[in-house]
Amino acid sequence: MRRTLAVLAAAVWLLAATPVLPQATAAPSACEGVWVVVDATALGGTVSTGCAPEHATGAQALASAGFSTARSSTMICQIDDRPDRCEVAASAYWSYWQATPEGERYGDWVYANLGADSYHPRGGDAEGWVFGDGSAPPSSLPGTLAVAGASATPEAAATPSPAVTTTPPQPDGSVAGGPLGLAAVAGVAALAGLGIWVSRRRSR
């Protein structure tokens, strides 16, 4: 009987000492506004994607997504200081494109029929910029759809959504409400109850 109680006590101690790790739940990335894609591969750069919470015009969306611009007359001739000189030529300029949601993905890029100062992107759309002669769209589309009906306030832009949400650990190292924490507590209670039953049976 002493050996049985010792085994039960050891099992209870092991369950109590086993750490329960916080469980992380991945959340899909989303854009409260429109996605903006800038393809600078022709200039030795990369394809960059930013979220624009403010998008009253295409030009505002480009800036709201975090890209800097320079102009030659009314045309955007540099994005993030590319190319080195702010010039516009028929064979080398920043062409402007749009893509709209189609089901669970974006449709193909379409060359803009209005300039960036005149076009008004809708929430959920995607905006694209690529340097070249205007014959080819940006080489990629955003990976996820934007969230339509987004707020266009600076406060919304300054509050990014976390990519991962975790349940904060409690002072005892367990996770509040987590299934592993509840299972450990139930196991300890069951073993303790078994020990009490064996002890009472022996005392009879």
N, C-alpha and C. Protein backbone atom coordinates (compact mmCIF):
# COMPACT_ATOMS: atom_id res chain seq x y z
N MET A 1 0.82 -1.21 0.00
CA MET A 1 0.00 0.00 0.00
C MET A 1 0.86 1.26 0.00
N ARG A 2 1.94 1.24 0.76
CA ARG A 2 2.82 2.40 0.76
C ARG A 2 3.41 2.64 -0.62
N ARG A 3 3.73 1.51 -1.30
CA ARG A 3 4.28 1.66 -2.66
C ARG A 3 3.24 2.27 -3.59
N THR A 4 1.97 1.85 -3.44
CA THR A 4 0.90 2.41 -4.28
C THR A 4 0.75 3.90 -4.05
N LEU A 5 0.74 4.31 -2.77
CA LEU A 5 0.61 5.74 -2.46
C LEU A 5 1.80 6.53 -2.96
N ALA A 6 3.01 5.92 -2.92
CA ALA A 6 4.19 6.62 -3.42
C ALA A 6 4.11 6.84 -4.92
N VAL A 7 3.61 5.80 -5.64
CA VAL A 7 3.44 5.94 -7.09
C VAL A 7 2.43 7.02 -7.42
N LEU A 8 1.31 7.05 -6.69
CA LEU A 8 0.29 8.08 -6.91
C LEU A 8 0.85 9.47 -6.64
N ALA A 9 1.61 9.61 -5.56
CA ALA A 9 2.18 10.92 -5.23
C ALA A 9 3.15 11.38 -6.31
N ALA A 10 3.95 10.45 -6.84
CA ALA A 10 4.90 10.81 -7.89
C ALA A 10 4.17 11.24 -9.16
N ALA A 11 3.06 10.54 -9.48
CA ALA A 11 2.29 10.91 -10.69
C ALA A 11 1.68 12.28 -10.54
N VAL A 12 1.13 12.55 -9.33
CA VAL A 12 0.55 13.88 -9.08
C VAL A 12 1.61 14.95 -9.22
N TRP A 13 2.80 14.72 -8.70
CA TRP A 13 3.88 15.72 -8.77
C TRP A 13 4.30 15.97 -10.20
N LEU A 14 4.40 14.90 -11.02
CA LEU A 14 4.80 15.05 -12.41
C LEU A 14 3.78 15.86 -13.19
N LEU A 15 2.48 15.60 -12.97
CA LEU A 15 1.45 16.36 -13.67
C LEU A 15 1.48 17.82 -13.26
N ALA A 16 1.67 18.08 -11.98
CA ALA A 16 1.69 19.47 -11.51
C ALA A 16 2.91 20.22 -12.02
N ALA A 17 4.03 19.49 -12.22
CA ALA A 17 5.27 20.15 -12.63
C ALA A 17 5.40 20.29 -14.13
N THR A 18 4.54 19.58 -14.89
CA THR A 18 4.63 19.65 -16.35
C THR A 18 4.20 21.02 -16.83
N PRO A 19 5.08 21.79 -17.54
CA PRO A 19 4.70 23.13 -18.00
C PRO A 19 3.68 23.07 -19.12
N VAL A 20 2.75 23.99 -19.10
CA VAL A 20 1.76 24.11 -20.16
C VAL A 20 2.08 25.35 -20.96
N LEU A 21 2.47 25.16 -22.21
CA LEU A 21 2.93 26.27 -23.02
C LEU A 21 1.76 27.08 -23.56
N PRO A 22 1.92 28.41 -23.68
CA PRO A 22 0.87 29.21 -24.30
C PRO A 22 0.62 28.75 -25.73
N GLN A 23 -0.64 28.76 -26.15
CA GLN A 23 -1.01 28.33 -27.49
C GLN A 23 -1.22 29.55 -28.37
N ALA A 24 -0.53 29.60 -29.49
CA ALA A 24 -0.63 30.73 -30.42
C ALA A 24 -1.61 30.40 -31.53
N THR A 25 -2.41 31.38 -31.89
CA THR A 25 -3.36 31.23 -32.98
C THR A 25 -3.00 32.23 -34.06
N ALA A 26 -2.60 31.73 -35.21
CA ALA A 26 -2.21 32.61 -36.30
C ALA A 26 -3.43 33.29 -36.90
N ALA A 27 -3.32 34.59 -37.12
CA ALA A 27 -4.41 35.33 -37.74
C ALA A 27 -4.00 35.74 -39.14
N PRO A 28 -4.89 35.65 -40.13
CA PRO A 28 -4.52 36.03 -41.49
C PRO A 28 -4.24 37.52 -41.58
N SER A 29 -3.23 37.87 -42.35
CA SER A 29 -2.92 39.28 -42.54
C SER A 29 -4.04 39.92 -43.35
N ALA A 30 -4.41 41.13 -43.00
CA ALA A 30 -5.49 41.82 -43.69
C ALA A 30 -5.13 43.29 -43.82
N CYS A 31 -5.72 43.94 -44.78
CA CYS A 31 -5.47 45.36 -45.03
C CYS A 31 -6.78 46.11 -44.89
N GLU A 32 -6.80 47.07 -44.01
CA GLU A 32 -7.99 47.90 -43.84
C GLU A 32 -7.94 49.05 -44.85
N GLY A 33 -8.25 48.75 -46.08
CA GLY A 33 -8.20 49.76 -47.14
C GLY A 33 -7.91 49.11 -48.47
N VAL A 34 -6.78 49.45 -49.08
CA VAL A 34 -6.37 48.83 -50.34
C VAL A 34 -4.90 48.43 -50.24
N TRP A 35 -4.55 47.35 -50.94
CA TRP A 35 -3.15 46.97 -51.06
C TRP A 35 -2.50 47.81 -52.15
N VAL A 36 -1.23 48.13 -51.97
CA VAL A 36 -0.46 48.84 -52.99
C VAL A 36 0.81 48.02 -53.27
N VAL A 37 1.02 47.68 -54.53
CA VAL A 37 2.17 46.88 -54.95
C VAL A 37 3.07 47.76 -55.82
N VAL A 38 4.34 47.83 -55.48
CA VAL A 38 5.32 48.61 -56.25
C VAL A 38 6.39 47.64 -56.74
N ASP A 39 6.50 47.51 -58.07
CA ASP A 39 7.46 46.60 -58.69
C ASP A 39 8.63 47.41 -59.26
N ALA A 40 9.76 47.35 -58.56
CA ALA A 40 10.95 48.09 -58.99
C ALA A 40 12.04 47.15 -59.48
N THR A 41 11.66 45.96 -59.94
CA THR A 41 12.66 44.97 -60.35
C THR A 41 13.46 45.45 -61.56
N ALA A 42 12.85 46.25 -62.43
CA ALA A 42 13.57 46.75 -63.60
C ALA A 42 14.65 47.75 -63.22
N LEU A 43 14.59 48.23 -62.00
CA LEU A 43 15.57 49.20 -61.51
C LEU A 43 16.53 48.58 -60.50
N GLY A 44 16.55 47.26 -60.46
CA GLY A 44 17.42 46.59 -59.50
C GLY A 44 16.84 46.47 -58.12
N GLY A 45 15.56 46.81 -57.98
CA GLY A 45 14.91 46.72 -56.68
C GLY A 45 14.09 45.44 -56.56
N THR A 46 13.07 45.48 -55.73
CA THR A 46 12.22 44.32 -55.48
C THR A 46 10.76 44.70 -55.66
N VAL A 47 9.87 43.72 -55.44
CA VAL A 47 8.44 43.97 -55.42
C VAL A 47 8.03 44.19 -53.97
N SER A 48 7.51 45.38 -53.68
CA SER A 48 7.11 45.73 -52.31
C SER A 48 5.60 45.90 -52.23
N THR A 49 5.02 45.48 -51.12
CA THR A 49 3.57 45.59 -50.92
C THR A 49 3.30 46.32 -49.61
N GLY A 50 2.40 47.30 -49.67
CA GLY A 50 2.01 48.04 -48.47
C GLY A 50 0.51 48.19 -48.40
N CYS A 51 0.02 48.45 -47.20
CA CYS A 51 -1.40 48.64 -46.98
C CYS A 51 -1.71 50.13 -46.88
N ALA A 52 -2.72 50.57 -47.60
CA ALA A 52 -3.10 51.99 -47.60
C ALA A 52 -4.46 52.16 -46.95
N PRO A 53 -4.52 52.59 -45.69
CA PRO A 53 -5.81 52.85 -45.06
C PRO A 53 -6.50 54.09 -45.63
N GLU A 54 -5.69 55.01 -46.17
CA GLU A 54 -6.26 56.22 -46.78
C GLU A 54 -6.10 56.10 -48.29
N HIS A 55 -7.20 56.20 -49.01
CA HIS A 55 -7.14 55.93 -50.45
C HIS A 55 -8.19 56.74 -51.22
N ALA A 56 -8.32 58.02 -50.89
CA ALA A 56 -9.26 58.86 -51.63
C ALA A 56 -8.86 58.95 -53.09
N THR A 57 -7.55 58.92 -53.37
CA THR A 57 -7.04 58.87 -54.74
C THR A 57 -5.93 57.83 -54.80
N GLY A 58 -5.53 57.47 -56.02
CA GLY A 58 -4.42 56.54 -56.16
C GLY A 58 -3.13 57.10 -55.61
N ALA A 59 -2.92 58.40 -55.77
CA ALA A 59 -1.71 59.04 -55.25
C ALA A 59 -1.70 59.00 -53.73
N GLN A 60 -2.86 59.25 -53.11
CA GLN A 60 -2.93 59.19 -51.65
C GLN A 60 -2.70 57.77 -51.15
N ALA A 61 -3.23 56.78 -51.86
CA ALA A 61 -3.02 55.38 -51.47
C ALA A 61 -1.54 55.03 -51.51
N LEU A 62 -0.84 55.48 -52.53
CA LEU A 62 0.59 55.20 -52.65
C LEU A 62 1.36 55.76 -51.45
N ALA A 63 1.03 56.99 -51.08
CA ALA A 63 1.70 57.61 -49.93
C ALA A 63 1.27 56.96 -48.62
N SER A 64 -0.02 56.64 -48.49
CA SER A 64 -0.54 56.05 -47.27
C SER A 64 0.05 54.66 -47.02
N ALA A 65 0.43 53.97 -48.10
CA ALA A 65 1.03 52.65 -47.97
C ALA A 65 2.50 52.73 -47.58
N GLY A 66 3.04 53.95 -47.47
CA GLY A 66 4.41 54.12 -46.98
C GLY A 66 5.46 54.37 -48.05
N PHE A 67 5.04 54.66 -49.28
CA PHE A 67 5.99 54.92 -50.36
C PHE A 67 6.16 56.42 -50.56
N SER A 68 7.40 56.85 -50.75
CA SER A 68 7.68 58.25 -51.05
C SER A 68 7.66 58.45 -52.56
N THR A 69 7.31 59.66 -52.98
CA THR A 69 7.22 59.94 -54.42
C THR A 69 7.83 61.29 -54.76
N ALA A 70 8.16 61.45 -56.02
CA ALA A 70 8.58 62.74 -56.58
C ALA A 70 7.88 62.87 -57.92
N ARG A 71 7.70 64.10 -58.37
CA ARG A 71 6.95 64.35 -59.59
C ARG A 71 7.76 65.16 -60.60
N SER A 72 7.44 64.88 -61.86
CA SER A 72 7.89 65.70 -62.97
C SER A 72 6.63 66.28 -63.60
N SER A 73 6.40 67.55 -63.38
CA SER A 73 5.12 68.16 -63.73
C SER A 73 4.03 67.47 -62.91
N THR A 74 3.06 66.84 -63.56
CA THR A 74 1.98 66.19 -62.81
C THR A 74 2.18 64.68 -62.68
N MET A 75 3.20 64.13 -63.30
CA MET A 75 3.40 62.69 -63.29
C MET A 75 4.37 62.25 -62.20
N ILE A 76 4.07 61.13 -61.58
CA ILE A 76 4.98 60.55 -60.58
C ILE A 76 6.16 59.94 -61.32
N CYS A 77 7.34 60.47 -61.05
CA CYS A 77 8.53 60.02 -61.78
C CYS A 77 9.47 59.21 -60.90
N GLN A 78 9.31 59.27 -59.58
CA GLN A 78 10.13 58.49 -58.67
C GLN A 78 9.25 57.92 -57.55
N ILE A 79 9.52 56.67 -57.22
CA ILE A 79 8.91 56.04 -56.05
C ILE A 79 10.04 55.48 -55.20
N ASP A 80 10.09 55.93 -53.96
CA ASP A 80 11.19 55.55 -53.05
C ASP A 80 12.56 55.82 -53.69
N ASP A 81 12.69 57.00 -54.30
CA ASP A 81 13.95 57.47 -54.90
C ASP A 81 14.42 56.62 -56.08
N ARG A 82 13.53 55.90 -56.71
CA ARG A 82 13.86 55.14 -57.93
C ARG A 82 13.00 55.65 -59.07
N PRO A 83 13.60 55.88 -60.27
CA PRO A 83 15.03 55.78 -60.61
C PRO A 83 15.83 56.94 -60.02
N ASP A 84 17.11 56.97 -60.33
CA ASP A 84 17.97 58.00 -59.73
C ASP A 84 17.58 59.40 -60.17
N ARG A 85 17.11 59.54 -61.40
CA ARG A 85 16.73 60.86 -61.91
C ARG A 85 15.22 60.90 -62.13
N CYS A 86 14.65 62.04 -61.79
CA CYS A 86 13.20 62.22 -61.91
C CYS A 86 12.86 62.67 -63.33
N GLU A 87 12.79 61.70 -64.22
CA GLU A 87 12.47 61.97 -65.62
C GLU A 87 11.40 61.00 -66.09
N VAL A 88 10.63 61.42 -67.09
CA VAL A 88 9.57 60.57 -67.64
C VAL A 88 9.80 60.43 -69.13
N ALA A 89 9.88 59.19 -69.59
CA ALA A 89 10.02 58.90 -71.02
C ALA A 89 9.01 57.82 -71.38
N ALA A 90 8.67 57.73 -72.67
CA ALA A 90 7.67 56.75 -73.10
C ALA A 90 8.14 55.32 -72.83
N SER A 91 9.45 55.10 -72.83
CA SER A 91 9.98 53.75 -72.64
C SER A 91 10.41 53.47 -71.20
N ALA A 92 10.29 54.47 -70.33
CA ALA A 92 10.76 54.29 -68.95
C ALA A 92 9.98 55.22 -68.03
N TYR A 93 8.95 54.68 -67.40
CA TYR A 93 8.14 55.47 -66.47
C TYR A 93 7.41 54.53 -65.52
N TRP A 94 6.82 55.11 -64.48
CA TRP A 94 6.04 54.33 -63.53
C TRP A 94 4.61 54.22 -64.06
N SER A 95 4.25 53.03 -64.56
CA SER A 95 2.88 52.82 -65.04
C SER A 95 1.99 52.40 -63.87
N TYR A 96 0.73 52.69 -64.02
CA TYR A 96 -0.23 52.59 -62.92
C TYR A 96 -1.31 51.57 -63.28
N TRP A 97 -1.60 50.62 -62.35
CA TRP A 97 -2.50 49.51 -62.62
C TRP A 97 -3.48 49.31 -61.45
N GLN A 98 -4.59 48.64 -61.74
CA GLN A 98 -5.55 48.29 -60.69
C GLN A 98 -5.98 46.83 -60.83
N ALA A 99 -6.37 46.25 -59.70
CA ALA A 99 -6.95 44.91 -59.66
C ALA A 99 -8.09 44.91 -58.66
N THR A 100 -9.16 44.21 -58.99
CA THR A 100 -10.33 44.16 -58.12
C THR A 100 -10.58 42.72 -57.68
N PRO A 101 -11.24 42.55 -56.52
CA PRO A 101 -11.51 41.19 -56.04
C PRO A 101 -12.45 40.44 -56.98
N GLU A 102 -12.13 39.18 -57.18
CA GLU A 102 -12.98 38.25 -57.94
C GLU A 102 -13.08 36.96 -57.14
N GLY A 103 -14.16 36.84 -56.37
CA GLY A 103 -14.30 35.68 -55.49
C GLY A 103 -13.34 35.80 -54.33
N GLU A 104 -12.49 34.77 -54.17
CA GLU A 104 -11.54 34.76 -53.05
C GLU A 104 -10.15 35.19 -53.46
N ARG A 105 -10.00 35.78 -54.62
CA ARG A 105 -8.70 36.25 -55.08
C ARG A 105 -8.89 37.53 -55.88
N TYR A 106 -7.76 38.12 -56.29
CA TYR A 106 -7.83 39.29 -57.15
C TYR A 106 -7.84 38.88 -58.61
N GLY A 107 -8.53 39.67 -59.43
CA GLY A 107 -8.46 39.47 -60.87
C GLY A 107 -7.14 39.98 -61.41
N ASP A 108 -6.97 39.92 -62.71
CA ASP A 108 -5.71 40.36 -63.33
C ASP A 108 -5.55 41.87 -63.20
N TRP A 109 -4.28 42.30 -63.27
CA TRP A 109 -4.00 43.73 -63.31
C TRP A 109 -4.57 44.34 -64.58
N VAL A 110 -5.14 45.53 -64.45
CA VAL A 110 -5.68 46.29 -65.59
C VAL A 110 -5.02 47.65 -65.60
N TYR A 111 -4.52 48.05 -66.77
CA TYR A 111 -3.86 49.36 -66.89
C TYR A 111 -4.87 50.46 -66.57
N ALA A 112 -4.46 51.41 -65.75
CA ALA A 112 -5.37 52.47 -65.32
C ALA A 112 -5.74 53.37 -66.48
N ASN A 113 -7.02 53.69 -66.57
CA ASN A 113 -7.47 54.63 -67.61
C ASN A 113 -7.56 56.06 -67.09
N LEU A 114 -7.21 56.25 -65.80
CA LEU A 114 -7.13 57.59 -65.22
C LEU A 114 -5.81 57.72 -64.48
N GLY A 115 -5.36 58.96 -64.30
CA GLY A 115 -4.15 59.19 -63.54
C GLY A 115 -4.37 58.96 -62.05
N ALA A 116 -3.27 58.86 -61.32
CA ALA A 116 -3.36 58.57 -59.88
C ALA A 116 -4.04 59.68 -59.10
N ASP A 117 -4.05 60.90 -59.61
CA ASP A 117 -4.72 62.00 -58.91
C ASP A 117 -6.22 62.02 -59.18
N SER A 118 -6.65 61.32 -60.24
CA SER A 118 -8.07 61.34 -60.62
C SER A 118 -8.80 60.05 -60.27
N TYR A 119 -8.06 58.96 -60.10
CA TYR A 119 -8.70 57.68 -59.82
C TYR A 119 -9.00 57.55 -58.32
N HIS A 120 -10.14 56.94 -57.99
CA HIS A 120 -10.56 56.79 -56.59
C HIS A 120 -10.69 55.30 -56.26
N PRO A 121 -9.68 54.70 -55.69
CA PRO A 121 -9.76 53.28 -55.35
C PRO A 121 -10.85 53.00 -54.32
N ARG A 122 -11.50 51.87 -54.47
CA ARG A 122 -12.50 51.45 -53.50
C ARG A 122 -11.86 50.51 -52.48
N GLY A 123 -12.40 50.52 -51.25
CA GLY A 123 -11.89 49.62 -50.23
C GLY A 123 -11.96 48.18 -50.70
N GLY A 124 -10.87 47.45 -50.57
CA GLY A 124 -10.79 46.08 -51.04
C GLY A 124 -10.04 45.93 -52.33
N ASP A 125 -9.84 47.03 -53.08
CA ASP A 125 -9.11 46.97 -54.34
C ASP A 125 -7.60 46.85 -54.10
N ALA A 126 -6.88 46.64 -55.20
CA ALA A 126 -5.41 46.64 -55.16
C ALA A 126 -4.91 47.63 -56.20
N GLU A 127 -3.84 48.34 -55.84
CA GLU A 127 -3.20 49.32 -56.72
C GLU A 127 -1.80 48.82 -57.06
N GLY A 128 -1.39 49.00 -58.30
CA GLY A 128 -0.09 48.52 -58.71
C GLY A 128 0.71 49.58 -59.46
N TRP A 129 2.03 49.56 -59.24
CA TRP A 129 2.96 50.45 -59.93
C TRP A 129 4.16 49.61 -60.38
N VAL A 130 4.56 49.80 -61.64
CA VAL A 130 5.71 49.07 -62.15
C VAL A 130 6.50 49.98 -63.09
N PHE A 131 7.83 49.92 -62.97
CA PHE A 131 8.66 50.77 -63.82
C PHE A 131 8.99 50.02 -65.10
N GLY A 132 8.76 50.70 -66.24
CA GLY A 132 9.04 50.09 -67.54
C GLY A 132 8.39 50.89 -68.64
N ASP A 133 8.04 50.20 -69.74
CA ASP A 133 7.43 50.91 -70.86
C ASP A 133 5.91 50.82 -70.85
N GLY A 134 5.34 50.28 -69.80
CA GLY A 134 3.89 50.22 -69.68
C GLY A 134 3.26 49.00 -70.32
N SER A 135 4.06 48.11 -70.86
CA SER A 135 3.49 46.94 -71.55
C SER A 135 3.22 45.77 -70.62
N ALA A 136 3.82 45.76 -69.43
CA ALA A 136 3.66 44.63 -68.51
C ALA A 136 3.24 45.14 -67.14
N PRO A 137 2.31 44.44 -66.48
CA PRO A 137 1.86 44.85 -65.15
C PRO A 137 2.86 44.45 -64.08
N PRO A 138 2.61 44.82 -62.83
CA PRO A 138 3.46 44.32 -61.75
C PRO A 138 3.52 42.80 -61.77
N SER A 139 4.64 42.23 -61.37
CA SER A 139 4.87 40.80 -61.50
C SER A 139 4.13 39.95 -60.47
N SER A 140 3.47 40.58 -59.49
CA SER A 140 2.72 39.79 -58.51
C SER A 140 1.50 40.58 -58.03
N LEU A 141 0.53 39.81 -57.52
CA LEU A 141 -0.67 40.38 -56.90
C LEU A 141 -0.56 40.22 -55.39
N PRO A 142 -1.31 41.00 -54.62
CA PRO A 142 -1.29 40.81 -53.16
C PRO A 142 -1.71 39.40 -52.80
N GLY A 143 -1.14 38.89 -51.72
CA GLY A 143 -1.44 37.52 -51.32
C GLY A 143 -2.82 37.35 -50.71
N THR A 144 -3.40 38.41 -50.13
CA THR A 144 -4.71 38.32 -49.51
C THR A 144 -5.56 39.50 -49.96
N LEU A 145 -6.86 39.31 -49.87
CA LEU A 145 -7.77 40.39 -50.22
C LEU A 145 -7.78 41.45 -49.14
N ALA A 146 -7.94 42.69 -49.55
CA ALA A 146 -8.08 43.77 -48.57
C ALA A 146 -9.49 43.72 -47.98
N VAL A 147 -9.68 44.41 -46.86
CA VAL A 147 -10.96 44.46 -46.20
C VAL A 147 -11.69 45.70 -46.69
N ALA A 148 -12.81 45.51 -47.35
CA ALA A 148 -13.55 46.63 -47.91
C ALA A 148 -14.20 47.46 -46.81
N GLY A 149 -14.54 48.72 -47.14
CA GLY A 149 -15.21 49.59 -46.20
C GLY A 149 -14.32 50.03 -45.06
N ALA A 150 -13.04 50.22 -45.33
CA ALA A 150 -12.10 50.55 -44.27
C ALA A 150 -12.19 52.02 -43.89
N SER A 151 -11.78 52.32 -42.66
CA SER A 151 -11.71 53.69 -42.20
C SER A 151 -10.49 54.36 -42.81
N ALA A 152 -10.61 55.61 -43.16
CA ALA A 152 -9.50 56.35 -43.76
C ALA A 152 -8.90 57.35 -42.79
N THR A 153 -8.97 57.07 -41.51
CA THR A 153 -8.43 57.99 -40.51
C THR A 153 -6.99 57.67 -40.19
N PRO A 154 -6.17 58.69 -39.84
CA PRO A 154 -4.78 58.42 -39.47
C PRO A 154 -4.68 57.49 -38.28
N GLU A 155 -5.66 57.52 -37.35
CA GLU A 155 -5.61 56.64 -36.19
C GLU A 155 -5.67 55.18 -36.62
N ALA A 156 -6.49 54.89 -37.63
CA ALA A 156 -6.58 53.52 -38.10
C ALA A 156 -5.28 53.07 -38.72
N ALA A 157 -4.59 53.98 -39.40
CA ALA A 157 -3.32 53.62 -40.02
C ALA A 157 -2.24 53.38 -39.00
N ALA A 158 -2.33 54.04 -37.84
CA ALA A 158 -1.27 53.94 -36.85
C ALA A 158 -1.44 52.77 -35.90
N THR A 159 -2.51 51.97 -36.08
CA THR A 159 -2.77 50.85 -35.18
C THR A 159 -2.75 49.56 -35.96
N PRO A 160 -1.56 48.94 -36.15
CA PRO A 160 -1.51 47.70 -36.91
C PRO A 160 -2.12 46.55 -36.13
N SER A 161 -2.67 45.57 -36.89
CA SER A 161 -3.23 44.38 -36.27
C SER A 161 -2.12 43.39 -36.00
N PRO A 162 -2.11 42.74 -34.83
CA PRO A 162 -1.06 41.76 -34.56
C PRO A 162 -1.21 40.55 -35.45
N ALA A 163 -0.06 39.97 -35.85
CA ALA A 163 -0.09 38.80 -36.72
C ALA A 163 -0.38 37.54 -35.93
N VAL A 164 0.00 37.52 -34.65
CA VAL A 164 -0.20 36.33 -33.83
C VAL A 164 -0.82 36.73 -32.51
N THR A 165 -1.85 36.00 -32.11
CA THR A 165 -2.51 36.25 -30.84
C THR A 165 -2.20 35.11 -29.89
N THR A 166 -1.71 35.41 -28.70
CA THR A 166 -1.38 34.37 -27.74
C THR A 166 -2.18 34.58 -26.47
N THR A 167 -2.46 33.49 -25.77
CA THR A 167 -3.13 33.56 -24.47
C THR A 167 -2.08 33.79 -23.40
N PRO A 168 -2.18 34.87 -22.62
CA PRO A 168 -1.12 35.18 -21.65
C PRO A 168 -1.01 34.11 -20.59
N PRO A 169 0.23 33.71 -20.23
CA PRO A 169 0.40 32.71 -19.18
C PRO A 169 0.04 33.28 -17.82
N GLN A 170 -0.46 32.43 -16.93
CA GLN A 170 -0.81 32.83 -15.58
C GLN A 170 0.43 32.73 -14.68
N PRO A 171 0.38 33.29 -13.46
CA PRO A 171 1.54 33.25 -12.57
C PRO A 171 2.05 31.84 -12.29
N ASP A 172 1.15 30.82 -12.35
CA ASP A 172 1.60 29.46 -12.06
C ASP A 172 2.13 28.76 -13.30
N GLY A 173 2.21 29.46 -14.42
CA GLY A 173 2.76 28.88 -15.64
C GLY A 173 1.74 28.22 -16.52
N SER A 174 0.47 28.14 -16.09
CA SER A 174 -0.55 27.53 -16.91
C SER A 174 -1.16 28.56 -17.84
N VAL A 175 -2.05 28.11 -18.71
CA VAL A 175 -2.73 29.01 -19.64
C VAL A 175 -4.20 29.06 -19.27
N ALA A 176 -4.71 30.26 -18.99
CA ALA A 176 -6.10 30.39 -18.57
C ALA A 176 -7.02 29.88 -19.66
N GLY A 177 -7.88 28.92 -19.30
CA GLY A 177 -8.86 28.44 -20.24
C GLY A 177 -8.32 27.50 -21.28
N GLY A 178 -7.01 27.25 -21.31
CA GLY A 178 -6.43 26.38 -22.32
C GLY A 178 -6.77 24.94 -22.06
N PRO A 179 -6.99 24.11 -23.14
CA PRO A 179 -7.36 22.71 -22.93
C PRO A 179 -6.29 21.90 -22.22
N LEU A 180 -5.00 22.21 -22.45
CA LEU A 180 -3.96 21.47 -21.77
C LEU A 180 -3.95 21.77 -20.28
N GLY A 181 -4.18 23.02 -19.91
CA GLY A 181 -4.24 23.38 -18.50
C GLY A 181 -5.39 22.69 -17.80
N LEU A 182 -6.58 22.64 -18.44
CA LEU A 182 -7.73 21.98 -17.84
C LEU A 182 -7.50 20.49 -17.70
N ALA A 183 -6.86 19.88 -18.69
CA ALA A 183 -6.59 18.44 -18.63
C ALA A 183 -5.64 18.12 -17.48
N ALA A 184 -4.63 18.96 -17.26
CA ALA A 184 -3.69 18.73 -16.17
C ALA A 184 -4.39 18.82 -14.82
N VAL A 185 -5.26 19.82 -14.67
CA VAL A 185 -5.99 19.98 -13.41
C VAL A 185 -6.89 18.78 -13.16
N ALA A 186 -7.59 18.30 -14.23
CA ALA A 186 -8.49 17.16 -14.09
C ALA A 186 -7.70 15.91 -13.72
N GLY A 187 -6.51 15.74 -14.30
CA GLY A 187 -5.69 14.57 -14.00
C GLY A 187 -5.23 14.57 -12.56
N VAL A 188 -4.78 15.73 -12.08
CA VAL A 188 -4.35 15.85 -10.68
C VAL A 188 -5.50 15.53 -9.73
N ALA A 189 -6.70 16.05 -10.03
CA ALA A 189 -7.86 15.81 -9.16
C ALA A 189 -8.23 14.33 -9.15
N ALA A 190 -8.17 13.67 -10.31
CA ALA A 190 -8.52 12.26 -10.38
C ALA A 190 -7.55 11.41 -9.58
N LEU A 191 -6.25 11.69 -9.71
CA LEU A 191 -5.26 10.92 -8.98
C LEU A 191 -5.36 11.16 -7.48
N ALA A 192 -5.64 12.39 -7.09
CA ALA A 192 -5.80 12.68 -5.67
C ALA A 192 -7.00 11.93 -5.10
N GLY A 193 -8.11 11.92 -5.86
CA GLY A 193 -9.29 11.19 -5.42
C GLY A 193 -9.03 9.71 -5.29
N LEU A 194 -8.26 9.14 -6.23
CA LEU A 194 -7.92 7.73 -6.17
C LEU A 194 -7.10 7.42 -4.92
N GLY A 195 -6.15 8.32 -4.59
CA GLY A 195 -5.33 8.12 -3.40
C GLY A 195 -6.17 8.12 -2.14
N ILE A 196 -7.16 9.04 -2.07
CA ILE A 196 -8.03 9.09 -0.89
C ILE A 196 -8.86 7.82 -0.78
N TRP A 197 -9.36 7.33 -1.92
CA TRP A 197 -10.18 6.10 -1.90
C TRP A 197 -9.37 4.90 -1.42
N VAL A 198 -8.12 4.79 -1.90
CA VAL A 198 -7.28 3.67 -1.49
C VAL A 198 -6.97 3.76 0.00
N SER A 199 -6.70 4.99 0.49
CA SER A 199 -6.39 5.16 1.90
C SER A 199 -7.56 4.78 2.78
N ARG A 200 -8.79 5.18 2.40
CA ARG A 200 -9.98 4.85 3.20
C ARG A 200 -10.24 3.33 3.17
N ARG A 201 -10.01 2.73 2.02
CA ARG A 201 -10.24 1.29 1.91
C ARG A 201 -9.29 0.51 2.81
N ARG A 202 -8.03 1.03 2.93
CA ARG A 202 -7.04 0.35 3.76
C ARG A 202 -7.38 0.48 5.24
N SER A 203 -8.01 1.64 5.61
CA SER A 203 -8.30 1.87 7.01
C SER A 203 -9.47 1.07 7.53
N ARG A 204 -10.23 0.45 6.63
CA ARG A 204 -11.39 -0.34 7.06
C ARG A 204 -10.97 -1.66 7.69
